[in-house]
N, C-alpha and C. Protein backbone atom coordinates (compact mmCIF):
# COMPACT_ATOMS: atom_id res chain seq x y z
N UNK A 1 155.92 126.53 73.30
CA UNK A 1 156.09 127.98 73.21
C UNK A 1 154.84 128.61 72.58
N UNK A 2 154.30 129.66 73.20
CA UNK A 2 153.10 130.32 72.71
C UNK A 2 153.43 131.19 71.49
N UNK A 3 152.68 130.99 70.40
CA UNK A 3 152.86 131.84 69.24
C UNK A 3 152.30 133.22 69.54
N UNK A 4 152.97 134.29 69.07
CA UNK A 4 152.49 135.66 69.35
C UNK A 4 151.32 136.05 68.44
N UNK A 5 150.26 135.24 68.47
CA UNK A 5 149.07 135.49 67.67
C UNK A 5 147.87 135.52 68.61
N UNK A 6 147.01 136.54 68.47
CA UNK A 6 145.83 136.61 69.32
C UNK A 6 144.89 135.46 68.95
N UNK A 7 144.27 134.85 69.97
CA UNK A 7 143.44 133.65 69.74
C UNK A 7 142.31 133.90 68.76
N UNK A 8 141.77 135.11 68.76
CA UNK A 8 140.65 135.43 67.88
C UNK A 8 141.02 135.34 66.40
N UNK A 9 142.32 135.38 66.11
CA UNK A 9 142.75 135.35 64.72
C UNK A 9 142.77 133.98 64.08
N UNK A 10 142.75 132.93 64.89
CA UNK A 10 142.88 131.59 64.33
C UNK A 10 141.67 131.18 63.49
N UNK A 11 140.52 131.79 63.71
CA UNK A 11 139.33 131.48 62.90
C UNK A 11 139.53 131.93 61.46
N UNK A 12 140.44 132.88 61.25
CA UNK A 12 140.78 133.32 59.89
C UNK A 12 142.03 132.60 59.38
N UNK A 13 143.00 132.40 60.27
CA UNK A 13 144.29 131.86 59.87
C UNK A 13 144.18 130.40 59.44
N UNK A 14 143.48 129.56 60.22
CA UNK A 14 143.42 128.13 59.92
C UNK A 14 142.76 127.85 58.58
N UNK A 15 141.56 128.41 58.28
CA UNK A 15 140.97 128.15 56.96
C UNK A 15 141.86 128.63 55.81
N UNK A 16 142.48 129.82 55.98
CA UNK A 16 143.34 130.34 54.93
C UNK A 16 144.56 129.45 54.72
N UNK A 17 145.12 128.93 55.82
CA UNK A 17 146.28 128.04 55.71
C UNK A 17 145.91 126.75 54.97
N UNK A 18 144.74 126.21 55.26
CA UNK A 18 144.29 124.98 54.58
C UNK A 18 144.07 125.24 53.09
N UNK A 19 143.38 126.35 52.78
CA UNK A 19 143.13 126.68 51.38
C UNK A 19 144.43 126.89 50.63
N UNK A 20 145.37 127.61 51.25
CA UNK A 20 146.66 127.87 50.61
C UNK A 20 147.43 126.57 50.36
N UNK A 21 147.43 125.68 51.35
CA UNK A 21 148.15 124.41 51.20
C UNK A 21 147.54 123.56 50.09
N UNK A 22 146.22 123.52 50.02
CA UNK A 22 145.54 122.73 48.97
C UNK A 22 145.83 123.30 47.59
N UNK A 23 145.78 124.61 47.47
CA UNK A 23 146.04 125.25 46.18
C UNK A 23 147.46 125.00 45.70
N UNK A 24 148.42 125.07 46.63
CA UNK A 24 149.81 124.82 46.24
C UNK A 24 150.04 123.34 45.94
N UNK A 25 149.28 122.47 46.62
CA UNK A 25 149.43 121.03 46.36
C UNK A 25 148.96 120.66 44.96
N UNK A 26 147.99 121.40 44.47
CA UNK A 26 147.47 121.16 43.12
C UNK A 26 147.75 122.38 42.24
N UNK A 27 148.97 122.89 42.35
CA UNK A 27 149.33 124.14 41.71
C UNK A 27 149.60 123.98 40.22
N UNK A 28 148.55 123.59 39.51
CA UNK A 28 148.61 123.63 38.06
C UNK A 28 148.54 125.09 37.63
N UNK A 29 148.88 125.35 36.39
CA UNK A 29 148.99 126.73 35.92
C UNK A 29 147.76 127.57 36.22
N UNK A 30 146.53 127.07 36.01
CA UNK A 30 145.36 127.91 36.30
C UNK A 30 145.21 128.25 37.79
N UNK A 31 145.82 127.43 38.67
CA UNK A 31 145.64 127.64 40.11
C UNK A 31 146.80 128.35 40.78
N UNK A 32 147.94 128.48 40.09
CA UNK A 32 149.13 129.01 40.74
C UNK A 32 148.91 130.45 41.22
N UNK A 33 148.15 131.25 40.41
CA UNK A 33 147.90 132.63 40.82
C UNK A 33 146.97 132.68 42.04
N UNK A 34 146.00 131.80 42.07
CA UNK A 34 145.13 131.73 43.25
C UNK A 34 145.93 131.30 44.48
N UNK A 35 146.84 130.36 44.31
CA UNK A 35 147.66 129.90 45.42
C UNK A 35 148.53 131.03 45.96
N UNK A 36 149.12 131.82 45.06
CA UNK A 36 149.96 132.95 45.49
C UNK A 36 149.13 134.01 46.19
N UNK A 37 147.94 134.29 45.64
CA UNK A 37 147.05 135.28 46.25
C UNK A 37 146.62 134.84 47.65
N UNK A 38 146.26 133.57 47.78
CA UNK A 38 145.87 133.03 49.08
C UNK A 38 147.03 133.09 50.06
N UNK A 39 148.25 132.80 49.57
CA UNK A 39 149.42 132.87 50.44
C UNK A 39 149.70 134.28 50.93
N UNK A 40 149.54 135.27 50.06
CA UNK A 40 149.73 136.66 50.46
C UNK A 40 148.68 137.09 51.48
N UNK A 41 147.44 136.66 51.27
CA UNK A 41 146.37 136.98 52.22
C UNK A 41 146.65 136.34 53.57
N UNK A 42 147.17 135.11 53.56
CA UNK A 42 147.53 134.43 54.81
C UNK A 42 148.61 135.21 55.56
N UNK A 43 149.62 135.70 54.83
CA UNK A 43 150.69 136.48 55.47
C UNK A 43 150.14 137.77 56.07
N UNK A 44 149.20 138.41 55.35
CA UNK A 44 148.59 139.63 55.87
C UNK A 44 147.83 139.36 57.17
N UNK A 45 147.04 138.29 57.19
CA UNK A 45 146.24 137.97 58.37
C UNK A 45 147.14 137.59 59.55
N UNK A 46 148.20 136.85 59.29
CA UNK A 46 149.16 136.51 60.35
C UNK A 46 149.77 137.78 60.94
N UNK A 47 150.11 138.73 60.08
CA UNK A 47 150.69 139.98 60.54
C UNK A 47 149.67 140.81 61.32
N UNK A 48 148.43 140.83 60.84
CA UNK A 48 147.40 141.64 61.49
C UNK A 48 147.10 141.14 62.90
N UNK A 49 147.04 139.84 63.08
CA UNK A 49 146.65 139.27 64.37
C UNK A 49 147.84 138.97 65.29
N UNK A 50 148.99 139.51 64.98
CA UNK A 50 150.14 139.28 65.88
C UNK A 50 149.86 139.93 67.23
N UNK A 51 150.40 139.33 68.27
CA UNK A 51 150.13 139.78 69.64
C UNK A 51 151.42 139.70 70.46
N UNK A 52 152.36 140.60 70.20
CA UNK A 52 153.66 140.52 70.89
C UNK A 52 153.56 140.88 72.36
N UNK A 53 154.45 140.27 73.15
CA UNK A 53 154.55 140.66 74.55
C UNK A 53 155.16 142.06 74.64
N UNK A 54 154.82 142.78 75.66
CA UNK A 54 155.31 144.14 75.85
C UNK A 54 155.88 144.29 77.26
N UNK A 55 156.89 145.14 77.38
CA UNK A 55 157.45 145.49 78.69
C UNK A 55 156.61 146.63 79.25
N UNK A 56 155.88 146.36 80.33
CA UNK A 56 154.98 147.36 80.92
C UNK A 56 155.78 148.24 81.88
N UNK A 57 155.76 149.56 81.70
CA UNK A 57 156.53 150.44 82.58
C UNK A 57 155.95 150.51 83.99
N UNK A 58 156.81 150.86 84.93
CA UNK A 58 156.39 151.07 86.31
C UNK A 58 156.40 152.56 86.61
N UNK A 59 155.74 152.94 87.67
CA UNK A 59 155.77 154.35 88.07
C UNK A 59 154.44 154.77 88.66
N UNK A 60 154.49 155.70 89.58
CA UNK A 60 153.29 156.19 90.24
C UNK A 60 152.42 156.96 89.24
N UNK A 61 151.17 156.53 89.07
CA UNK A 61 150.23 157.23 88.22
C UNK A 61 150.48 157.10 86.73
N UNK A 62 151.34 156.17 86.33
CA UNK A 62 151.67 156.05 84.91
C UNK A 62 150.46 155.60 84.08
N UNK A 63 150.31 156.17 82.90
CA UNK A 63 149.26 155.81 81.95
C UNK A 63 149.94 155.35 80.66
N UNK A 64 149.62 154.14 80.23
CA UNK A 64 150.23 153.62 79.01
C UNK A 64 149.25 153.70 77.84
N UNK A 65 149.78 153.59 76.65
CA UNK A 65 148.92 153.64 75.47
C UNK A 65 148.04 152.41 75.41
N UNK A 66 146.75 152.59 75.11
CA UNK A 66 145.85 151.44 74.98
C UNK A 66 146.01 150.70 73.65
N UNK A 67 146.77 151.27 72.72
CA UNK A 67 146.93 150.62 71.43
C UNK A 67 148.14 151.12 70.67
N UNK A 68 148.49 150.40 69.61
CA UNK A 68 149.56 150.80 68.72
C UNK A 68 149.02 151.78 67.69
N UNK A 69 149.80 152.76 67.30
CA UNK A 69 149.36 153.65 66.24
C UNK A 69 149.95 155.04 66.35
N UNK A 70 149.27 155.99 65.72
CA UNK A 70 149.73 157.37 65.64
C UNK A 70 148.75 158.29 66.36
N UNK A 71 149.27 159.18 67.19
CA UNK A 71 148.44 160.16 67.90
C UNK A 71 147.97 161.20 66.88
N UNK A 72 146.63 161.25 66.67
CA UNK A 72 146.08 162.13 65.63
C UNK A 72 145.28 163.30 66.20
N UNK A 73 144.97 163.28 67.48
CA UNK A 73 144.20 164.37 68.06
C UNK A 73 144.37 164.39 69.57
N UNK A 74 144.52 165.60 70.13
CA UNK A 74 144.55 165.81 71.58
C UNK A 74 143.67 167.03 71.85
N UNK A 75 142.50 166.80 72.46
CA UNK A 75 141.55 167.89 72.67
C UNK A 75 140.88 167.75 74.03
N UNK A 76 140.35 168.86 74.52
CA UNK A 76 139.53 168.83 75.73
C UNK A 76 138.09 168.56 75.31
N UNK A 77 137.45 167.61 75.98
CA UNK A 77 136.12 167.19 75.54
C UNK A 77 135.34 166.58 76.72
N UNK A 78 134.02 166.67 76.65
CA UNK A 78 133.18 166.04 77.65
C UNK A 78 132.43 164.88 77.01
N UNK A 79 132.43 163.74 77.69
CA UNK A 79 131.74 162.55 77.22
C UNK A 79 130.58 162.23 78.16
N UNK A 80 129.46 161.68 77.63
CA UNK A 80 128.31 161.37 78.48
C UNK A 80 128.62 160.41 79.63
N UNK A 81 129.66 159.59 79.50
CA UNK A 81 129.99 158.65 80.57
C UNK A 81 130.83 159.28 81.68
N UNK A 82 131.24 160.53 81.49
CA UNK A 82 132.08 161.21 82.47
C UNK A 82 131.35 162.42 83.04
N UNK A 83 131.71 162.79 84.26
CA UNK A 83 131.01 163.86 84.96
C UNK A 83 131.50 165.25 84.57
N UNK A 84 132.64 165.34 83.95
CA UNK A 84 133.24 166.64 83.64
C UNK A 84 134.11 166.52 82.39
N UNK A 85 134.69 167.64 81.99
CA UNK A 85 135.54 167.63 80.81
C UNK A 85 136.84 166.86 81.07
N UNK A 86 137.27 166.14 80.05
CA UNK A 86 138.51 165.36 80.11
C UNK A 86 139.36 165.74 78.89
N UNK A 87 140.58 165.28 78.87
CA UNK A 87 141.42 165.46 77.69
C UNK A 87 141.42 164.15 76.89
N UNK A 88 141.01 164.26 75.64
CA UNK A 88 140.95 163.07 74.77
C UNK A 88 142.21 162.98 73.91
N UNK A 89 142.84 161.82 73.97
CA UNK A 89 143.99 161.50 73.11
C UNK A 89 143.54 160.41 72.15
N UNK A 90 143.52 160.71 70.87
CA UNK A 90 143.05 159.76 69.86
C UNK A 90 144.23 159.13 69.13
N UNK A 91 144.17 157.81 68.98
CA UNK A 91 145.25 157.05 68.34
C UNK A 91 144.67 156.29 67.15
N UNK A 92 145.23 156.55 65.97
CA UNK A 92 144.78 155.87 64.76
C UNK A 92 145.63 154.64 64.51
N UNK A 93 144.95 153.50 64.30
CA UNK A 93 145.62 152.22 64.02
C UNK A 93 145.41 151.89 62.55
N UNK A 94 146.50 151.82 61.77
CA UNK A 94 146.34 151.39 60.39
C UNK A 94 146.37 149.86 60.33
N UNK A 95 146.18 149.30 59.14
CA UNK A 95 146.04 147.84 59.03
C UNK A 95 147.32 147.09 59.35
N UNK A 96 148.45 147.81 59.44
CA UNK A 96 149.73 147.14 59.73
C UNK A 96 150.10 147.21 61.21
N UNK A 97 149.32 147.95 62.01
CA UNK A 97 149.59 148.02 63.45
C UNK A 97 149.05 146.79 64.17
N UNK A 98 149.58 146.53 65.37
CA UNK A 98 149.00 145.52 66.25
C UNK A 98 147.63 146.03 66.68
N UNK A 99 146.62 145.17 66.63
CA UNK A 99 145.25 145.61 66.92
C UNK A 99 144.68 145.09 68.23
N UNK A 100 145.52 144.59 69.10
CA UNK A 100 145.11 144.20 70.45
C UNK A 100 145.15 145.44 71.34
N UNK A 101 144.09 145.67 72.12
CA UNK A 101 144.07 146.81 73.03
C UNK A 101 144.46 146.37 74.44
N UNK A 102 145.10 147.31 75.14
CA UNK A 102 145.57 147.06 76.51
C UNK A 102 145.05 148.16 77.44
N UNK A 103 144.85 147.80 78.69
CA UNK A 103 144.33 148.77 79.65
C UNK A 103 145.36 149.86 79.93
N UNK A 104 144.97 151.14 79.83
CA UNK A 104 145.91 152.24 80.03
C UNK A 104 146.29 152.46 81.49
N UNK A 105 145.42 152.00 82.40
CA UNK A 105 145.68 152.11 83.84
C UNK A 105 145.21 150.82 84.52
N UNK A 106 145.67 150.61 85.72
CA UNK A 106 145.17 149.49 86.51
C UNK A 106 143.93 149.94 87.26
N UNK A 107 142.95 149.03 87.39
CA UNK A 107 141.76 149.41 88.13
C UNK A 107 140.58 148.49 87.87
N UNK A 108 139.44 148.91 88.37
CA UNK A 108 138.19 148.14 88.24
C UNK A 108 137.38 148.66 87.06
N UNK A 109 136.87 147.73 86.25
CA UNK A 109 136.02 148.12 85.13
C UNK A 109 134.66 148.53 85.68
N UNK A 110 134.40 149.82 85.67
CA UNK A 110 133.18 150.36 86.29
C UNK A 110 131.98 150.31 85.35
N UNK A 111 132.23 150.55 84.06
CA UNK A 111 131.12 150.60 83.10
C UNK A 111 131.62 150.27 81.70
N UNK A 112 130.81 149.53 80.95
CA UNK A 112 131.08 149.24 79.55
C UNK A 112 129.82 149.57 78.76
N UNK A 113 129.97 150.34 77.69
CA UNK A 113 128.81 150.71 76.88
C UNK A 113 129.16 150.60 75.40
N UNK A 114 128.32 149.86 74.67
CA UNK A 114 128.52 149.69 73.23
C UNK A 114 127.52 150.55 72.48
N UNK A 115 127.98 151.27 71.47
CA UNK A 115 127.11 152.12 70.64
C UNK A 115 127.27 151.74 69.18
N UNK A 116 126.15 151.49 68.53
CA UNK A 116 126.20 151.27 67.09
C UNK A 116 126.49 152.60 66.39
N UNK A 117 127.02 152.52 65.18
CA UNK A 117 127.33 153.75 64.48
C UNK A 117 127.78 153.50 63.06
N UNK A 118 128.42 154.52 62.49
CA UNK A 118 128.89 154.45 61.11
C UNK A 118 130.26 153.78 61.05
N UNK A 119 130.78 153.66 59.83
CA UNK A 119 132.11 153.09 59.62
C UNK A 119 132.92 154.07 58.77
N UNK A 120 133.08 155.29 59.29
CA UNK A 120 133.89 156.30 58.61
C UNK A 120 135.36 155.95 58.75
N UNK A 121 136.19 156.58 57.94
CA UNK A 121 137.64 156.41 58.06
C UNK A 121 138.06 156.74 59.49
N UNK A 122 138.73 155.81 60.16
CA UNK A 122 139.09 156.01 61.58
C UNK A 122 140.08 157.14 61.78
N UNK A 123 140.76 157.57 60.72
CA UNK A 123 141.69 158.70 60.84
C UNK A 123 140.94 160.02 60.92
N UNK A 124 139.67 160.03 60.50
CA UNK A 124 138.86 161.24 60.53
C UNK A 124 138.44 161.55 61.97
N UNK A 125 138.46 162.83 62.33
CA UNK A 125 138.08 163.22 63.68
C UNK A 125 136.60 162.96 63.95
N UNK A 126 135.77 162.89 62.90
CA UNK A 126 134.35 162.59 63.08
C UNK A 126 134.13 161.17 63.57
N UNK A 127 135.13 160.29 63.39
CA UNK A 127 134.99 158.89 63.81
C UNK A 127 134.77 158.78 65.31
N UNK A 128 135.36 159.69 66.09
CA UNK A 128 135.20 159.64 67.54
C UNK A 128 133.75 159.82 67.97
N UNK A 129 132.97 160.55 67.16
CA UNK A 129 131.57 160.82 67.49
C UNK A 129 130.60 159.87 66.80
N UNK A 130 130.88 159.57 65.52
CA UNK A 130 129.88 158.91 64.69
C UNK A 130 130.06 157.41 64.51
N UNK A 131 131.27 156.89 64.69
CA UNK A 131 131.51 155.48 64.37
C UNK A 131 131.05 154.53 65.46
N UNK A 132 130.83 153.29 65.06
CA UNK A 132 130.54 152.22 66.03
C UNK A 132 131.67 152.16 67.05
N UNK A 133 131.33 152.03 68.33
CA UNK A 133 132.37 152.08 69.36
C UNK A 133 131.96 151.36 70.64
N UNK A 134 132.98 150.95 71.38
CA UNK A 134 132.78 150.31 72.67
C UNK A 134 133.56 151.12 73.71
N UNK A 135 132.85 151.67 74.70
CA UNK A 135 133.46 152.53 75.71
C UNK A 135 133.61 151.79 77.03
N UNK A 136 134.72 152.03 77.71
CA UNK A 136 134.97 151.34 78.97
C UNK A 136 135.56 152.33 79.99
N UNK A 137 134.88 152.45 81.12
CA UNK A 137 135.34 153.32 82.20
C UNK A 137 136.10 152.48 83.23
N UNK A 138 137.33 152.90 83.52
CA UNK A 138 138.16 152.21 84.51
C UNK A 138 138.34 153.13 85.71
N UNK A 139 138.06 152.61 86.90
CA UNK A 139 138.24 153.39 88.12
C UNK A 139 139.52 152.92 88.81
N UNK A 140 140.45 153.83 88.95
CA UNK A 140 141.75 153.47 89.54
C UNK A 140 141.71 153.41 91.06
N UNK A 141 140.61 153.85 91.64
CA UNK A 141 140.53 154.00 93.08
C UNK A 141 140.54 155.46 93.47
N UNK A 142 141.11 156.29 92.57
CA UNK A 142 141.15 157.74 92.79
C UNK A 142 140.55 158.51 91.62
N UNK A 143 140.80 158.01 90.42
CA UNK A 143 140.37 158.69 89.21
C UNK A 143 139.61 157.75 88.28
N UNK A 144 138.81 158.34 87.39
CA UNK A 144 138.18 157.57 86.32
C UNK A 144 138.91 157.85 85.02
N UNK A 145 139.14 156.78 84.25
CA UNK A 145 139.76 156.89 82.93
C UNK A 145 138.84 156.18 81.94
N UNK A 146 138.59 156.81 80.81
CA UNK A 146 137.72 156.24 79.78
C UNK A 146 138.56 155.87 78.56
N UNK A 147 138.32 154.67 78.04
CA UNK A 147 139.00 154.25 76.82
C UNK A 147 137.95 153.69 75.86
N UNK A 148 138.07 154.06 74.57
CA UNK A 148 137.09 153.65 73.58
C UNK A 148 137.76 152.88 72.45
N UNK A 149 137.15 151.77 72.07
CA UNK A 149 137.50 151.05 70.86
C UNK A 149 136.55 151.54 69.77
N UNK A 150 137.09 152.05 68.68
CA UNK A 150 136.26 152.65 67.63
C UNK A 150 136.53 151.96 66.31
N UNK A 151 135.46 151.49 65.67
CA UNK A 151 135.58 150.82 64.37
C UNK A 151 135.98 151.83 63.30
N UNK A 152 136.56 151.31 62.21
CA UNK A 152 136.99 152.18 61.12
C UNK A 152 136.29 151.85 59.83
N UNK A 153 136.89 152.30 58.73
CA UNK A 153 136.30 152.11 57.41
C UNK A 153 136.21 150.64 57.04
N UNK A 154 137.26 149.87 57.39
CA UNK A 154 137.31 148.45 57.07
C UNK A 154 136.91 147.61 58.28
N UNK A 155 137.21 148.11 59.47
CA UNK A 155 136.90 147.36 60.69
C UNK A 155 135.39 147.19 60.83
N UNK A 156 134.95 145.97 61.08
CA UNK A 156 133.53 145.71 61.24
C UNK A 156 133.25 144.88 62.48
N UNK A 157 134.25 144.74 63.33
CA UNK A 157 134.05 143.89 64.49
C UNK A 157 134.91 144.39 65.65
N UNK A 158 134.25 144.81 66.73
CA UNK A 158 134.93 145.19 67.97
C UNK A 158 134.78 144.05 68.96
N UNK A 159 135.89 143.60 69.52
CA UNK A 159 135.88 142.52 70.50
C UNK A 159 136.37 143.07 71.83
N UNK A 160 135.59 142.87 72.89
CA UNK A 160 135.98 143.30 74.24
C UNK A 160 135.85 142.11 75.18
N UNK A 161 136.96 141.69 75.75
CA UNK A 161 136.95 140.55 76.67
C UNK A 161 136.63 140.96 78.10
N UNK A 162 136.76 142.24 78.42
CA UNK A 162 136.53 142.72 79.78
C UNK A 162 135.03 142.74 80.09
N UNK A 163 134.71 142.64 81.36
CA UNK A 163 133.33 142.72 81.84
C UNK A 163 133.27 143.67 83.03
N UNK A 164 132.11 144.29 83.22
CA UNK A 164 131.94 145.20 84.35
C UNK A 164 132.21 144.46 85.66
N UNK A 165 132.98 145.09 86.52
CA UNK A 165 133.35 144.48 87.80
C UNK A 165 134.70 143.80 87.78
N UNK A 166 135.24 143.55 86.59
CA UNK A 166 136.57 142.93 86.50
C UNK A 166 137.64 143.90 86.99
N UNK A 167 138.71 143.34 87.53
CA UNK A 167 139.88 144.13 87.90
C UNK A 167 141.01 143.82 86.92
N UNK A 168 141.60 144.87 86.36
CA UNK A 168 142.65 144.71 85.36
C UNK A 168 143.95 145.35 85.82
N UNK A 169 145.05 144.72 85.45
CA UNK A 169 146.37 145.28 85.71
C UNK A 169 146.73 146.28 84.62
N UNK A 170 147.73 147.09 84.89
CA UNK A 170 148.23 148.04 83.91
C UNK A 170 148.77 147.30 82.68
N UNK A 171 148.32 147.70 81.50
CA UNK A 171 148.83 147.11 80.26
C UNK A 171 148.30 145.74 79.94
N UNK A 172 147.25 145.31 80.63
CA UNK A 172 146.71 143.96 80.38
C UNK A 172 145.82 143.98 79.13
N UNK A 173 145.89 142.93 78.33
CA UNK A 173 145.07 142.83 77.13
C UNK A 173 143.59 142.77 77.51
N UNK A 174 142.77 143.57 76.81
CA UNK A 174 141.34 143.53 77.12
C UNK A 174 140.45 143.48 75.88
N UNK A 175 141.00 143.67 74.67
CA UNK A 175 140.14 143.66 73.50
C UNK A 175 140.91 143.70 72.20
N UNK A 176 140.14 143.76 71.11
CA UNK A 176 140.69 143.68 69.77
C UNK A 176 139.71 144.35 68.80
N UNK A 177 140.26 145.05 67.80
CA UNK A 177 139.44 145.57 66.72
C UNK A 177 139.99 145.02 65.41
N UNK A 178 139.13 144.46 64.59
CA UNK A 178 139.59 143.82 63.37
C UNK A 178 139.67 144.79 62.19
N UNK A 179 140.86 144.86 61.61
CA UNK A 179 141.10 145.48 60.30
C UNK A 179 140.92 147.00 60.23
N UNK A 180 141.74 147.72 60.96
CA UNK A 180 141.76 149.17 60.86
C UNK A 180 140.84 149.84 61.86
N UNK A 181 141.33 150.78 62.67
CA UNK A 181 140.50 151.29 63.74
C UNK A 181 141.11 152.52 64.41
N UNK A 182 140.52 152.86 65.55
CA UNK A 182 140.93 154.03 66.33
C UNK A 182 140.67 153.74 67.80
N UNK A 183 141.54 154.24 68.66
CA UNK A 183 141.34 154.11 70.10
C UNK A 183 141.42 155.51 70.71
N UNK A 184 140.39 155.87 71.48
CA UNK A 184 140.37 157.16 72.18
C UNK A 184 140.59 156.94 73.67
N UNK A 185 141.44 157.76 74.24
CA UNK A 185 141.73 157.69 75.67
C UNK A 185 141.38 159.02 76.31
N UNK A 186 140.54 158.99 77.35
CA UNK A 186 140.12 160.20 78.05
C UNK A 186 140.79 160.24 79.42
N UNK A 187 141.60 161.28 79.66
CA UNK A 187 142.30 161.45 80.93
C UNK A 187 141.84 162.73 81.61
N UNK A 188 141.85 162.75 82.95
CA UNK A 188 141.48 163.98 83.67
C UNK A 188 142.36 165.15 83.23
N UNK A 189 141.82 166.37 83.28
CA UNK A 189 142.58 167.54 82.87
C UNK A 189 143.82 167.76 83.72
N UNK A 190 143.82 167.20 84.92
CA UNK A 190 144.98 167.35 85.80
C UNK A 190 146.14 166.42 85.41
N UNK A 191 145.88 165.48 84.51
CA UNK A 191 146.93 164.52 84.11
C UNK A 191 148.02 165.23 83.32
N UNK A 192 149.24 164.75 83.50
CA UNK A 192 150.38 165.28 82.75
C UNK A 192 150.53 164.45 81.47
N UNK A 193 150.39 165.10 80.32
CA UNK A 193 150.44 164.41 79.03
C UNK A 193 151.87 164.41 78.50
N UNK A 194 152.33 163.25 78.05
CA UNK A 194 153.71 163.10 77.60
C UNK A 194 153.83 162.80 76.10
N UNK A 195 152.72 162.90 75.36
CA UNK A 195 152.77 162.65 73.93
C UNK A 195 152.31 163.90 73.18
N UNK A 196 152.66 163.96 71.90
CA UNK A 196 152.27 165.07 71.05
C UNK A 196 151.65 164.54 69.76
N UNK A 197 150.98 165.40 69.03
CA UNK A 197 150.41 165.02 67.74
C UNK A 197 151.50 164.45 66.83
N UNK A 198 151.17 163.35 66.17
CA UNK A 198 152.12 162.74 65.25
C UNK A 198 153.00 161.68 65.88
N UNK A 199 153.01 161.57 67.20
CA UNK A 199 153.82 160.54 67.87
C UNK A 199 153.28 159.16 67.54
N UNK A 200 154.20 158.21 67.40
CA UNK A 200 153.81 156.81 67.23
C UNK A 200 153.99 156.10 68.57
N UNK A 201 152.96 155.38 68.99
CA UNK A 201 152.96 154.76 70.32
C UNK A 201 152.70 153.27 70.20
N UNK A 202 153.11 152.54 71.24
CA UNK A 202 152.91 151.09 71.29
C UNK A 202 152.05 150.75 72.50
N UNK A 203 151.04 149.91 72.27
CA UNK A 203 150.11 149.54 73.33
C UNK A 203 150.80 148.83 74.49
N UNK A 204 150.54 149.32 75.69
CA UNK A 204 151.06 148.68 76.89
C UNK A 204 152.46 149.11 77.28
N UNK A 205 153.23 149.71 76.37
CA UNK A 205 154.62 150.05 76.69
C UNK A 205 154.93 151.55 76.56
N UNK A 206 154.25 152.26 75.66
CA UNK A 206 154.49 153.70 75.53
C UNK A 206 153.74 154.46 76.62
N UNK A 207 154.42 155.40 77.25
CA UNK A 207 153.81 156.20 78.31
C UNK A 207 153.07 157.38 77.68
N UNK A 208 151.76 157.44 77.91
CA UNK A 208 150.93 158.54 77.43
C UNK A 208 151.00 159.73 78.39
N UNK A 209 151.10 159.44 79.68
CA UNK A 209 151.15 160.51 80.66
C UNK A 209 151.12 159.96 82.06
N UNK A 210 150.81 160.85 83.01
CA UNK A 210 150.78 160.49 84.42
C UNK A 210 149.55 161.12 85.08
N UNK A 211 148.86 160.34 85.90
CA UNK A 211 147.76 160.87 86.69
C UNK A 211 148.33 161.54 87.92
N UNK A 212 147.82 162.72 88.23
CA UNK A 212 148.29 163.46 89.41
C UNK A 212 147.63 162.88 90.66
C-alpha cells in the first residue's frame, strides 16, 4: 500500500526518523528533551509532505484548484506570458496545508518560466510580483491557462516535475513548494468563477470555475 507522502519528502523524513529513534534509544535525562523535539519535528514534516488522493470532478470546461489553501485575491491582471488581461485567483498555503500542486486544467504544457525573486510573506499581495516563482502555461486546445508556484517567507524551494511539451490530465500532480507558499491561477476573463475571497479550497478537487 502506497503511503500518502510525496516522494520528495523522504529526504527529510528518513534522517529525522533515524535521529529520533537514536535519541529515544539513548534517552538519558540530558537527551530526552532533544528526543521529544526531534519527534515533534518529525511529525511536522510527515504532516507537511502528506499527499492524499483526491476525487477529481468531471464536467465540460471545469477548472480545479491547483493547490490547498485560502483564496486571498481575485483581480484582473495582465502577465508577460499571456497576450491579454486575465483574472488572477491567488491561493495562500500555510504550513499546515498540503503543498503538492495539481494541474487546474487538462492540456499541453506550452511554456515554463522560472524567475528568481524575494521571499516575502506569501499572504502579501506583493508576493505575486516580487517573490521567487515558477510559471507554467497550459494550453487546453482552446484556451491558455497560467498557473504559478510562488515561494513564501519560509519556502525556499520550488519543485516542478512538469516539462514543456508534456500532456497533463485534469488534477494531475505536477509540483511542490516546501514550507509555506502561494499559488496563482490565471483564467480568461470569459471564465465563470465559482470561488470568493476567503474560501478554502483543496487541490485537484475544489472547482474554481468553468472555461466558456
